[in-house]
């Protein structure tokens, strides 16, 4: 597959391609998307920096909602799950540049620069980076790498670009040192509160365990003690009970809620719903309609 010319979305057999495409494996990604709105659940293992090249991106977690437009920058903290909405501009493609600030590389940067935290970071987990000519100039310098990726773009160059980026971030927001260079393991958090706030996200059980600061075995053990059910069984029941409430009480359509509640398809949602409640979601819709005299 050939790389697309500057400013043109890549195609294959005449169709627009969906990326992201790696420039430096595991470090820098350049995301192309066809000219349509997309929405998906994501898990961020590492701190991630996003430059919006064209279009708009909306990040929704249980604690924050952040949006960035063309030319704006967002830092997403590690160990988070959320919904990412990608909105292309009219008649054009959605484009982003994504830098994964992996922990082993941040450790090297901290050691080389003798950087360390001086207190616990207490700011928002997802940070809009203020306008700064140096930061903007940095990302403009990355775009040619992204659009002309090849063998000449070595790991060494990629690491240098990440180091440059981290130093510029600290120049703009010095308090980020306490976020970027905190290498402590996630502490155990309130399992019940976390799951009640995040049950709708369709991510593996292993990710839920990591986000609550537990091993998989520890997560399953604590989960059983807390909810009296295995995680997968509880998640299915909780999502379906919530769906019933949204349809019956809030008068919402099944087609509008199944993705939000973590079901991969409307047919899968309808099958599971009927198996639990003895009727399809659409049948409940009909029963829940206001009666006319």
C-alpha atoms as a PDB file:
ATOM      1  CA  UNK A   1       0.000   0.000   0.000  1.00  0.00           C
ATOM      2  CA  UNK A   2       1.418   3.412  -0.962  1.00  0.00           C
ATOM      3  CA  UNK A   3       1.295   6.386   1.341  1.00  0.00           C
ATOM      4  CA  UNK A   4      -1.184   9.046   0.226  1.00  0.00           C
ATOM      5  CA  UNK A   5       0.101  12.395  -1.105  1.00  0.00           C
ATOM      6  CA  UNK A   6       0.196  15.362   1.262  1.00  0.00           C
ATOM      7  CA  UNK A   7      -3.330  16.409   2.183  1.00  0.00           C
ATOM      8  CA  UNK A   8      -5.049  13.429   0.511  1.00  0.00           C
ATOM      9  CA  UNK A   9      -6.638  10.575   2.456  1.00  0.00           C
ATOM     10  CA  UNK A  10      -5.165   7.165   1.499  1.00  0.00           C
ATOM     11  CA  UNK A  11      -7.301   4.853  -0.614  1.00  0.00           C
ATOM     12  CA  UNK A  12      -7.290   1.179  -1.437  1.00  0.00           C
ATOM     13  CA  UNK A  13      -9.266  -0.154  -4.385  1.00  0.00           C
ATOM     14  CA  UNK A  14     -10.885   3.264  -4.680  1.00  0.00           C
ATOM     15  CA  UNK A  15     -12.184   3.327  -1.102  1.00  0.00           C
ATOM     16  CA  UNK A  16     -11.060   5.604   1.718  1.00  0.00           C
ATOM     17  CA  UNK A  17      -9.023   3.815   4.341  1.00  0.00           C
ATOM     18  CA  UNK A  18      -9.456   3.843   8.072  1.00  0.00           C
ATOM     19  CA  UNK A  19      -6.295   4.062  10.167  1.00  0.00           C
ATOM     20  CA  UNK A  20      -4.415   4.807  12.501  1.00  0.00           C
ATOM     21  CA  UNK A  21      -1.170   4.168  10.706  1.00  0.00           C
ATOM     22  CA  UNK A  22       2.049   3.793  12.665  1.00  0.00           C
ATOM     23  CA  UNK A  23       4.948   6.107  11.876  1.00  0.00           C
ATOM     24  CA  UNK A  24       7.233   5.044  14.668  1.00  0.00           C
ATOM     25  CA  UNK A  25       5.933   1.678  15.958  1.00  0.00           C
ATOM     26  CA  UNK A  26       4.296   2.161  19.331  1.00  0.00           C
ATOM     27  CA  UNK A  27       5.267   5.839  19.590  1.00  0.00           C
ATOM     28  CA  UNK A  28       3.705   8.082  16.936  1.00  0.00           C
ATOM     29  CA  UNK A  29       0.486   7.365  15.064  1.00  0.00           C
ATOM     30  CA  UNK A  30      -1.147   9.290  12.273  1.00  0.00           C
ATOM     31  CA  UNK A  31      -4.860   8.689  12.083  1.00  0.00           C
ATOM     32  CA  UNK A  32      -6.859   8.936   8.871  1.00  0.00           C
ATOM     33  CA  UNK A  33     -10.592   8.435   8.860  1.00  0.00           C
ATOM     34  CA  UNK A  34     -13.150   8.470   6.106  1.00  0.00           C
ATOM     35  CA  UNK A  35     -15.491  11.446   5.928  1.00  0.00           C
ATOM     36  CA  UNK A  36     -18.048  10.087   8.385  1.00  0.00           C
ATOM     37  CA  UNK A  37     -18.697  10.398  12.109  1.00  0.00           C
ATOM     38  CA  UNK A  38     -17.410   7.486  14.200  1.00  0.00           C
ATOM     39  CA  UNK A  39     -17.781   6.604  17.863  1.00  0.00           C
ATOM     40  CA  UNK A  40     -15.987   3.935  19.888  1.00  0.00           C
ATOM     41  CA  UNK A  41     -14.920   2.985  23.392  1.00  0.00           C
ATOM     42  CA  UNK A  42     -11.175   3.303  24.021  1.00  0.00           C
ATOM     43  CA  UNK A  43      -8.763   2.295  26.769  1.00  0.00           C
ATOM     44  CA  UNK A  44      -5.619   4.378  27.259  1.00  0.00           C
ATOM     45  CA  UNK A  45      -2.836   2.375  28.882  1.00  0.00           C
ATOM     46  CA  UNK A  46      -0.311   5.221  28.469  1.00  0.00           C
ATOM     47  CA  UNK A  47      -0.490   9.004  28.562  1.00  0.00           C
ATOM     48  CA  UNK A  48      -1.537  10.076  25.063  1.00  0.00           C
ATOM     49  CA  UNK A  49      -1.193  13.420  23.310  1.00  0.00           C
ATOM     50  CA  UNK A  50      -3.523  14.263  20.426  1.00  0.00           C
ATOM     51  CA  UNK A  51      -3.244  17.047  17.881  1.00  0.00           C
ATOM     52  CA  UNK A  52      -6.422  17.644  15.934  1.00  0.00           C
ATOM     53  CA  UNK A  53      -5.350  18.311  12.336  1.00  0.00           C
ATOM     54  CA  UNK A  54      -8.827  18.518  10.793  1.00  0.00           C
ATOM     55  CA  UNK A  55     -12.311  17.935  12.180  1.00  0.00           C
ATOM     56  CA  UNK A  56     -13.381  17.676  15.819  1.00  0.00           C
ATOM     57  CA  UNK A  57     -12.786  15.068  18.509  1.00  0.00           C
ATOM     58  CA  UNK A  58     -14.966  14.622  21.615  1.00  0.00           C
ATOM     59  CA  UNK A  59     -13.768  12.601  24.616  1.00  0.00           C
ATOM     60  CA  UNK A  60     -16.358  11.497  27.167  1.00  0.00           C
ATOM     61  CA  UNK A  61     -15.397   9.772  30.431  1.00  0.00           C
ATOM     62  CA  UNK A  62     -17.415   9.389  33.606  1.00  0.00           C
ATOM     63  CA  UNK A  63     -15.732  12.467  35.093  1.00  0.00           C
ATOM     64  CA  UNK A  64     -15.011  14.724  32.107  1.00  0.00           C
ATOM     65  CA  UNK A  65     -16.094  15.773  28.660  1.00  0.00           C
ATOM     66  CA  UNK A  66     -13.440  17.357  26.465  1.00  0.00           C
ATOM     67  CA  UNK A  67     -13.595  18.435  22.819  1.00  0.00           C
ATOM     68  CA  UNK A  68     -10.878  19.757  20.528  1.00  0.00           C
ATOM     69  CA  UNK A  69     -11.126  21.311  17.083  1.00  0.00           C
ATOM     70  CA  UNK A  70      -8.615  21.731  14.282  1.00  0.00           C
ATOM     71  CA  UNK A  71      -5.255  22.957  15.592  1.00  0.00           C
ATOM     72  CA  UNK A  72      -6.025  22.168  19.255  1.00  0.00           C
ATOM     73  CA  UNK A  73      -4.221  19.695  21.520  1.00  0.00           C
ATOM     74  CA  UNK A  74      -5.412  17.342  24.258  1.00  0.00           C
ATOM     75  CA  UNK A  75      -3.424  15.276  26.772  1.00  0.00           C
ATOM     76  CA  UNK A  76      -5.261  12.117  27.864  1.00  0.00           C
ATOM     77  CA  UNK A  77      -4.004  10.527  31.083  1.00  0.00           C
ATOM     78  CA  UNK A  78      -3.094   6.854  31.312  1.00  0.00           C
ATOM     79  CA  UNK A  79      -5.304   4.106  32.738  1.00  0.00           C
ATOM     80  CA  UNK A  80      -8.596   5.535  31.531  1.00  0.00           C
ATOM     81  CA  UNK A  81     -11.581   4.282  29.622  1.00  0.00           C
ATOM     82  CA  UNK A  82     -13.916   6.542  27.675  1.00  0.00           C
ATOM     83  CA  UNK A  83     -15.917   7.128  24.523  1.00  0.00           C
ATOM     84  CA  UNK A  84     -14.184   8.832  21.611  1.00  0.00           C
ATOM     85  CA  UNK A  85     -16.284  10.595  18.963  1.00  0.00           C
ATOM     86  CA  UNK A  86     -14.579  11.628  15.727  1.00  0.00           C
ATOM     87  CA  UNK A  87     -16.364  14.240  13.615  1.00  0.00           C
ATOM     88  CA  UNK A  88     -14.955  15.087  10.161  1.00  0.00           C
ATOM     89  CA  UNK A  89     -15.393  18.546   8.648  1.00  0.00           C
ATOM     90  CA  UNK A  90     -17.938  18.883   5.808  1.00  0.00           C
ATOM     91  CA  UNK A  91     -16.574  17.359   2.605  1.00  0.00           C
ATOM     92  CA  UNK A  92     -13.196  16.423   4.087  1.00  0.00           C
ATOM     93  CA  UNK A  93     -11.499  13.734   6.158  1.00  0.00           C
ATOM     94  CA  UNK A  94     -10.951  13.585   9.896  1.00  0.00           C
ATOM     95  CA  UNK A  95      -7.224  13.644  10.720  1.00  0.00           C
ATOM     96  CA  UNK A  96      -5.243  13.459  13.959  1.00  0.00           C
ATOM     97  CA  UNK A  97      -1.669  12.943  15.072  1.00  0.00           C
ATOM     98  CA  UNK A  98      -1.357  10.807  18.193  1.00  0.00           C
ATOM     99  CA  UNK A  99       1.719  10.459  20.407  1.00  0.00           C
ATOM    100  CA  UNK A 100       1.817   7.595  22.883  1.00  0.00           C
ATOM    101  CA  UNK A 101       3.932   8.687  25.873  1.00  0.00           C
ATOM    102  CA  UNK A 102       4.915   5.226  27.023  1.00  0.00           C
ATOM    103  CA  UNK A 103       6.068   4.743  30.590  1.00  0.00           C
ATOM    104  CA  UNK A 104       9.473   3.222  29.819  1.00  0.00           C
ATOM    105  CA  UNK A 105      10.354   6.207  27.622  1.00  0.00           C
ATOM    106  CA  UNK A 106       9.083   8.690  30.226  1.00  0.00           C
ATOM    107  CA  UNK A 107      11.271   6.913  32.788  1.00  0.00           C
ATOM    108  CA  UNK A 108      14.314   7.465  30.565  1.00  0.00           C
ATOM    109  CA  UNK A 109      13.417  11.132  30.097  1.00  0.00           C
ATOM    110  CA  UNK A 110      13.021  11.541  33.862  1.00  0.00           C
ATOM    111  CA  UNK A 111      16.396   9.926  34.552  1.00  0.00           C
ATOM    112  CA  UNK A 112      18.234  11.889  31.872  1.00  0.00           C
ATOM    113  CA  UNK A 113      16.746  15.203  32.971  1.00  0.00           C
ATOM    114  CA  UNK A 114      16.787  14.376  36.698  1.00  0.00           C
ATOM    115  CA  UNK A 115      13.058  15.048  36.752  1.00  0.00           C
ATOM    116  CA  UNK A 116      10.814  13.810  39.539  1.00  0.00           C
ATOM    117  CA  UNK A 117       7.458  14.575  41.115  1.00  0.00           C
ATOM    118  CA  UNK A 118       7.279  16.873  44.121  1.00  0.00           C
ATOM    119  CA  UNK A 119       3.644  16.185  45.013  1.00  0.00           C
ATOM    120  CA  UNK A 120       0.622  14.174  43.908  1.00  0.00           C
ATOM    121  CA  UNK A 121      -1.033  15.471  40.737  1.00  0.00           C
ATOM    122  CA  UNK A 122      -4.525  16.758  41.559  1.00  0.00           C
ATOM    123  CA  UNK A 123      -5.533  18.369  38.274  1.00  0.00           C
ATOM    124  CA  UNK A 124      -7.997  17.073  35.682  1.00  0.00           C
ATOM    125  CA  UNK A 125      -7.070  13.728  34.068  1.00  0.00           C
ATOM    126  CA  UNK A 126      -7.551  15.119  30.554  1.00  0.00           C
ATOM    127  CA  UNK A 127      -5.919  18.453  29.849  1.00  0.00           C
ATOM    128  CA  UNK A 128      -6.412  20.874  26.967  1.00  0.00           C
ATOM    129  CA  UNK A 129      -2.969  22.278  26.146  1.00  0.00           C
ATOM    130  CA  UNK A 130      -2.971  26.096  25.908  1.00  0.00           C
ATOM    131  CA  UNK A 131      -2.007  27.764  22.639  1.00  0.00           C
ATOM    132  CA  UNK A 132       1.736  28.088  22.356  1.00  0.00           C
ATOM    133  CA  UNK A 133       3.773  28.802  19.230  1.00  0.00           C
ATOM    134  CA  UNK A 134       6.407  26.262  20.226  1.00  0.00           C
ATOM    135  CA  UNK A 135       3.870  23.446  20.701  1.00  0.00           C
ATOM    136  CA  UNK A 136       2.070  24.333  17.467  1.00  0.00           C
ATOM    137  CA  UNK A 137       5.393  24.509  15.649  1.00  0.00           C
ATOM    138  CA  UNK A 138       6.348  21.123  17.050  1.00  0.00           C
ATOM    139  CA  UNK A 139       3.262  19.434  15.668  1.00  0.00           C
ATOM    140  CA  UNK A 140       3.696  21.123  12.311  1.00  0.00           C
ATOM    141  CA  UNK A 141       7.171  19.571  12.280  1.00  0.00           C
ATOM    142  CA  UNK A 142       5.630  16.123  12.905  1.00  0.00           C
ATOM    143  CA  UNK A 143       3.082  16.301  10.072  1.00  0.00           C
ATOM    144  CA  UNK A 144       5.684  15.766   7.294  1.00  0.00           C
ATOM    145  CA  UNK A 145       6.924  12.676   9.173  1.00  0.00           C
ATOM    146  CA  UNK A 146       3.364  11.424   9.341  1.00  0.00           C
ATOM    147  CA  UNK A 147       2.563  11.971   5.694  1.00  0.00           C
ATOM    148  CA  UNK A 148       5.873  10.651   4.400  1.00  0.00           C
ATOM    149  CA  UNK A 149       6.522   7.736   6.726  1.00  0.00           C
ATOM    150  CA  UNK A 150       9.153   5.306   5.544  1.00  0.00           C
ATOM    151  CA  UNK A 151      12.342   3.506   6.449  1.00  0.00           C
ATOM    152  CA  UNK A 152      14.141   6.806   7.025  1.00  0.00           C
ATOM    153  CA  UNK A 153      11.833   7.515   9.983  1.00  0.00           C
ATOM    154  CA  UNK A 154      13.793   5.548  12.571  1.00  0.00           C
ATOM    155  CA  UNK A 155      13.005   4.679  16.168  1.00  0.00           C
ATOM    156  CA  UNK A 156      15.772   7.040  17.235  1.00  0.00           C
ATOM    157  CA  UNK A 157      14.100   9.967  15.483  1.00  0.00           C
ATOM    158  CA  UNK A 158      10.775   9.039  17.002  1.00  0.00           C
ATOM    159  CA  UNK A 159      12.222   8.978  20.516  1.00  0.00           C
ATOM    160  CA  UNK A 160      13.819  12.382  19.949  1.00  0.00           C
ATOM    161  CA  UNK A 161      10.459  13.811  18.838  1.00  0.00           C
ATOM    162  CA  UNK A 162       8.758  12.438  21.962  1.00  0.00           C
ATOM    163  CA  UNK A 163      11.477  13.882  24.212  1.00  0.00           C
ATOM    164  CA  UNK A 164      11.073  17.262  22.506  1.00  0.00           C
ATOM    165  CA  UNK A 165       7.321  17.088  23.004  1.00  0.00           C
ATOM    166  CA  UNK A 166       7.578  16.288  26.736  1.00  0.00           C
ATOM    167  CA  UNK A 167       9.961  19.200  27.326  1.00  0.00           C
ATOM    168  CA  UNK A 168       7.607  21.591  25.540  1.00  0.00           C
ATOM    169  CA  UNK A 169       4.645  20.335  27.593  1.00  0.00           C
ATOM    170  CA  UNK A 170       6.544  21.039  30.810  1.00  0.00           C
ATOM    171  CA  UNK A 171       7.433  24.481  29.504  1.00  0.00           C
ATOM    172  CA  UNK A 172       3.755  25.280  28.921  1.00  0.00           C
ATOM    173  CA  UNK A 173       2.344  23.519  32.012  1.00  0.00           C
ATOM    174  CA  UNK A 174       5.079  22.763  34.585  1.00  0.00           C
ATOM    175  CA  UNK A 175       2.561  21.031  36.868  1.00  0.00           C
ATOM    176  CA  UNK A 176       2.298  18.183  34.336  1.00  0.00           C
ATOM    177  CA  UNK A 177       5.577  16.804  35.693  1.00  0.00           C
ATOM    178  CA  UNK A 178       3.560  15.394  38.615  1.00  0.00           C
ATOM    179  CA  UNK A 179       1.272  13.626  36.147  1.00  0.00           C
ATOM    180  CA  UNK A 180       3.780  12.401  33.537  1.00  0.00           C
ATOM    181  CA  UNK A 181       6.450  11.194  35.960  1.00  0.00           C
ATOM    182  CA  UNK A 182       4.242   9.466  38.516  1.00  0.00           C
ATOM    183  CA  UNK A 183       5.255   5.833  38.020  1.00  0.00           C
ATOM    184  CA  UNK A 184       3.444   4.396  41.033  1.00  0.00           C
ATOM    185  CA  UNK A 185       1.071   1.507  40.470  1.00  0.00           C
ATOM    186  CA  UNK A 186      -2.649   2.342  40.430  1.00  0.00           C
ATOM    187  CA  UNK A 187      -3.934   2.016  43.978  1.00  0.00           C
ATOM    188  CA  UNK A 188      -6.996  -0.051  44.788  1.00  0.00           C
ATOM    189  CA  UNK A 189     -10.044   2.108  44.329  1.00  0.00           C
ATOM    190  CA  UNK A 190     -13.644   1.662  45.434  1.00  0.00           C
ATOM    191  CA  UNK A 191     -14.742  -1.241  43.238  1.00  0.00           C
ATOM    192  CA  UNK A 192     -18.500  -0.760  43.685  1.00  0.00           C
ATOM    193  CA  UNK A 193     -18.421   2.955  42.913  1.00  0.00           C
ATOM    194  CA  UNK A 194     -16.165   2.473  39.887  1.00  0.00           C
ATOM    195  CA  UNK A 195     -18.253  -0.297  38.330  1.00  0.00           C
ATOM    196  CA  UNK A 196     -21.548   1.520  38.866  1.00  0.00           C
ATOM    197  CA  UNK A 197     -20.068   4.529  37.049  1.00  0.00           C
ATOM    198  CA  UNK A 198     -18.391   2.587  34.219  1.00  0.00           C
ATOM    199  CA  UNK A 199     -20.420  -0.592  33.582  1.00  0.00           C
ATOM    200  CA  UNK A 200     -21.563   0.641  30.159  1.00  0.00           C
ATOM    201  CA  UNK A 201     -18.072   0.577  28.624  1.00  0.00           C
ATOM    202  CA  UNK A 202     -17.471  -2.500  26.488  1.00  0.00           C
ATOM    203  CA  UNK A 203     -13.902  -3.347  27.479  1.00  0.00           C
ATOM    204  CA  UNK A 204     -12.322  -6.659  28.588  1.00  0.00           C
ATOM    205  CA  UNK A 205     -12.575  -7.702  32.240  1.00  0.00           C
ATOM    206  CA  UNK A 206      -8.778  -7.482  32.403  1.00  0.00           C
ATOM    207  CA  UNK A 207      -8.994  -3.741  31.714  1.00  0.00           C
ATOM    208  CA  UNK A 208     -11.560  -3.216  34.446  1.00  0.00           C
ATOM    209  CA  UNK A 209      -9.180  -5.027  36.813  1.00  0.00           C
ATOM    210  CA  UNK A 210      -6.265  -2.797  35.809  1.00  0.00           C
ATOM    211  CA  UNK A 211      -8.285   0.390  36.157  1.00  0.00           C
ATOM    212  CA  UNK A 212      -9.281  -0.540  39.714  1.00  0.00           C
ATOM    213  CA  UNK A 213      -5.669  -1.338  40.682  1.00  0.00           C
ATOM    214  CA  UNK A 214      -6.130  -5.096  40.950  1.00  0.00           C
ATOM    215  CA  UNK A 215      -4.824  -8.277  39.402  1.00  0.00           C
ATOM    216  CA  UNK A 216      -7.408 -10.207  37.399  1.00  0.00           C
ATOM    217  CA  UNK A 217      -7.737 -12.821  40.148  1.00  0.00           C
ATOM    218  CA  UNK A 218      -8.026 -10.124  42.823  1.00  0.00           C
ATOM    219  CA  UNK A 219     -10.618  -8.257  40.781  1.00  0.00           C
ATOM    220  CA  UNK A 220     -12.801 -11.348  40.341  1.00  0.00           C
ATOM    221  CA  UNK A 221     -12.523 -12.188  44.041  1.00  0.00           C
ATOM    222  CA  UNK A 222     -13.394  -8.648  45.199  1.00  0.00           C
ATOM    223  CA  UNK A 223     -16.148  -8.402  42.603  1.00  0.00           C
ATOM    224  CA  UNK A 224     -17.852 -11.567  43.830  1.00  0.00           C
ATOM    225  CA  UNK A 225     -17.720 -10.270  47.406  1.00  0.00           C
ATOM    226  CA  UNK A 226     -19.113  -6.876  46.389  1.00  0.00           C
ATOM    227  CA  UNK A 227     -21.872  -7.840  43.933  1.00  0.00           C
ATOM    228  CA  UNK A 228     -22.471 -11.537  44.605  1.00  0.00           C
ATOM    229  CA  UNK A 229     -22.000 -12.385  40.922  1.00  0.00           C
ATOM    230  CA  UNK A 230     -19.104 -12.958  38.497  1.00  0.00           C
ATOM    231  CA  UNK A 231     -18.168  -9.782  36.553  1.00  0.00           C
ATOM    232  CA  UNK A 232     -19.522 -10.806  33.130  1.00  0.00           C
ATOM    233  CA  UNK A 233     -22.850 -11.977  34.545  1.00  0.00           C
ATOM    234  CA  UNK A 234     -23.281  -8.778  36.575  1.00  0.00           C
ATOM    235  CA  UNK A 235     -22.315  -6.530  33.646  1.00  0.00           C
ATOM    236  CA  UNK A 236     -24.859  -8.178  31.348  1.00  0.00           C
ATOM    237  CA  UNK A 237     -27.625  -7.909  33.937  1.00  0.00           C
ATOM    238  CA  UNK A 238     -26.773  -4.313  34.835  1.00  0.00           C
ATOM    239  CA  UNK A 239     -26.724  -3.201  31.209  1.00  0.00           C
ATOM    240  CA  UNK A 240     -30.035  -4.891  30.465  1.00  0.00           C
ATOM    241  CA  UNK A 241     -31.726  -3.509  33.597  1.00  0.00           C
ATOM    242  CA  UNK A 242     -30.524  -0.037  32.605  1.00  0.00           C
ATOM    243  CA  UNK A 243     -31.839  -0.565  29.077  1.00  0.00           C
ATOM    244  CA  UNK A 244     -35.262  -1.533  30.427  1.00  0.00           C
ATOM    245  CA  UNK A 245     -35.342   1.633  32.560  1.00  0.00           C
ATOM    246  CA  UNK A 246     -34.297   3.867  29.654  1.00  0.00           C
ATOM    247  CA  UNK A 247     -36.924   2.378  27.331  1.00  0.00           C
ATOM    248  CA  UNK A 248     -39.782   2.038  29.806  1.00  0.00           C
ATOM    249  CA  UNK A 249     -39.331   5.175  31.902  1.00  0.00           C
ATOM    250  CA  UNK A 250     -37.263   7.524  29.759  1.00  0.00           C
ATOM    251  CA  UNK A 251     -39.005   6.573  26.487  1.00  0.00           C
ATOM    252  CA  UNK A 252     -35.715   6.081  24.636  1.00  0.00           C
ATOM    253  CA  UNK A 253     -35.421   4.013  21.468  1.00  0.00           C
ATOM    254  CA  UNK A 254     -33.458   0.732  21.529  1.00  0.00           C
ATOM    255  CA  UNK A 255     -31.437   1.865  18.505  1.00  0.00           C
ATOM    256  CA  UNK A 256     -30.320   4.953  20.458  1.00  0.00           C
ATOM    257  CA  UNK A 257     -29.040   3.159  23.562  1.00  0.00           C
ATOM    258  CA  UNK A 258     -27.575  -0.234  22.661  1.00  0.00           C
ATOM    259  CA  UNK A 259     -24.101   1.106  21.779  1.00  0.00           C
ATOM    260  CA  UNK A 260     -24.038   3.349  24.836  1.00  0.00           C
ATOM    261  CA  UNK A 261     -24.733   0.297  27.004  1.00  0.00           C
ATOM    262  CA  UNK A 262     -21.834  -1.703  25.572  1.00  0.00           C
ATOM    263  CA  UNK A 263     -23.637  -4.004  23.112  1.00  0.00           C
ATOM    264  CA  UNK A 264     -21.850  -4.587  19.817  1.00  0.00           C
ATOM    265  CA  UNK A 265     -24.987  -4.815  17.701  1.00  0.00           C
ATOM    266  CA  UNK A 266     -28.698  -4.117  17.926  1.00  0.00           C
ATOM    267  CA  UNK A 267     -29.488  -7.770  17.175  1.00  0.00           C
ATOM    268  CA  UNK A 268     -27.274  -8.987  20.036  1.00  0.00           C
ATOM    269  CA  UNK A 269     -28.890  -6.468  22.372  1.00  0.00           C
ATOM    270  CA  UNK A 270     -32.419  -7.501  21.305  1.00  0.00           C
ATOM    271  CA  UNK A 271     -31.646 -11.210  21.768  1.00  0.00           C
ATOM    272  CA  UNK A 272     -30.179 -10.722  25.262  1.00  0.00           C
ATOM    273  CA  UNK A 273     -33.034  -8.398  26.249  1.00  0.00           C
ATOM    274  CA  UNK A 274     -35.735 -10.865  25.196  1.00  0.00           C
ATOM    275  CA  UNK A 275     -33.943 -13.732  26.922  1.00  0.00           C
ATOM    276  CA  UNK A 276     -33.940 -11.798  30.220  1.00  0.00           C
ATOM    277  CA  UNK A 277     -37.342 -10.078  30.098  1.00  0.00           C
ATOM    278  CA  UNK A 278     -39.405 -12.348  27.843  1.00  0.00           C
ATOM    279  CA  UNK A 279     -40.076  -9.610  25.293  1.00  0.00           C
ATOM    280  CA  UNK A 280     -38.058  -7.721  22.717  1.00  0.00           C
ATOM    281  CA  UNK A 281     -37.021  -4.090  23.274  1.00  0.00           C
ATOM    282  CA  UNK A 282     -39.455  -2.989  20.559  1.00  0.00           C
ATOM    283  CA  UNK A 283     -42.305  -4.843  22.265  1.00  0.00           C
ATOM    284  CA  UNK A 284     -41.509  -2.968  25.475  1.00  0.00           C
ATOM    285  CA  UNK A 285     -41.518   0.281  23.497  1.00  0.00           C
ATOM    286  CA  UNK A 286     -45.072  -0.434  22.359  1.00  0.00           C
ATOM    287  CA  UNK A 287     -46.215  -1.328  25.882  1.00  0.00           C
ATOM    288  CA  UNK A 288     -44.632   1.847  27.250  1.00  0.00           C
ATOM    289  CA  UNK A 289     -46.350   4.224  24.836  1.00  0.00           C
ATOM    290  CA  UNK A 290     -48.935   6.541  26.452  1.00  0.00           C
ATOM    291  CA  UNK A 291     -52.416   5.075  26.141  1.00  0.00           C
ATOM    292  CA  UNK A 292     -54.938   7.116  24.169  1.00  0.00           C
ATOM    293  CA  UNK A 293     -58.622   7.069  25.042  1.00  0.00           C
END
